[in-house]
């Protein structure tokens, strides 16, 4: 048990809400922050920053690199980290991505140096694509429609479970021994989109196909569905990381930090199917 107060940005998001549960179970006082929640935090409204940070011992930082439009992650995270240190926050855990090249013109690790230079204890999390992208994220509609149309080629990805990311984040926020670490987080094995589609098909009893599409054709398809052009390119470039096997090698980080193996994609699929996540 702990007596720490922890601010969780993105408290209703994929990792945030899971992290809130884990922190609460360990007795932490949790502030689940969002733009419309009881604890208000809005990256675009700096008047919300200091009140959210006041009295917190640690904070989980999630930026807005995955939204359409321009956003200066480096500057915003640097300014927030400054507010945090001035508010006596001693520990910062920053969620980034296991992507070191620009995607859609954005760097998904742009905020790391700002946190490292903040003066607080810091830990950086760099996860692979989440399992949960299939049942509550960008791939959900494709699964329900029976066709995953993506520019991923035959590339492999060791999808990581958001619960495992949350568990590592909780350890970094509450336990000693994680300061100054950059944790690359993956699942136990790399699979292709075809294998993922086959696993889901078997679990739900109807066919879900993976169809490779050209990179620009994929961007054009998204734009036809009124997705902003810059965001369409961002998603396409992110999928291309799978196509090019940029992060296909699994890491042992979850096992080292948590003392257990990360959740396998097959176990995620069985659970999601049992919950009716892909019912149509």
Foldseek 3Di string as FASTA:
>chain_A
DDAFEEEEEVCVDQLNVLLVVVCVVVPYRYHDEDCPDPQHDDLVDCVSLLVSLAPGQEYEDEDPPLDPDDDQQQVSLLVSLLSNVVNNHAEYEYEFAPDQDDFLNDGRCNNVVSNVPSNHFYEYEHEWAALCCCQPRDNVVLLLVQEAEAQQAQFKFQHAHSSLVSVLVNCRGGHPDRGPYYHYAGAPAIHGPQVLQVLLCVQQVHHRGYDHDDLVVQLVVVVVVVDPSSSSRRVRRSSNCRNVNVPRDHDCRSCVRVVDHTDHSSVVSNVCSVVVSNPD
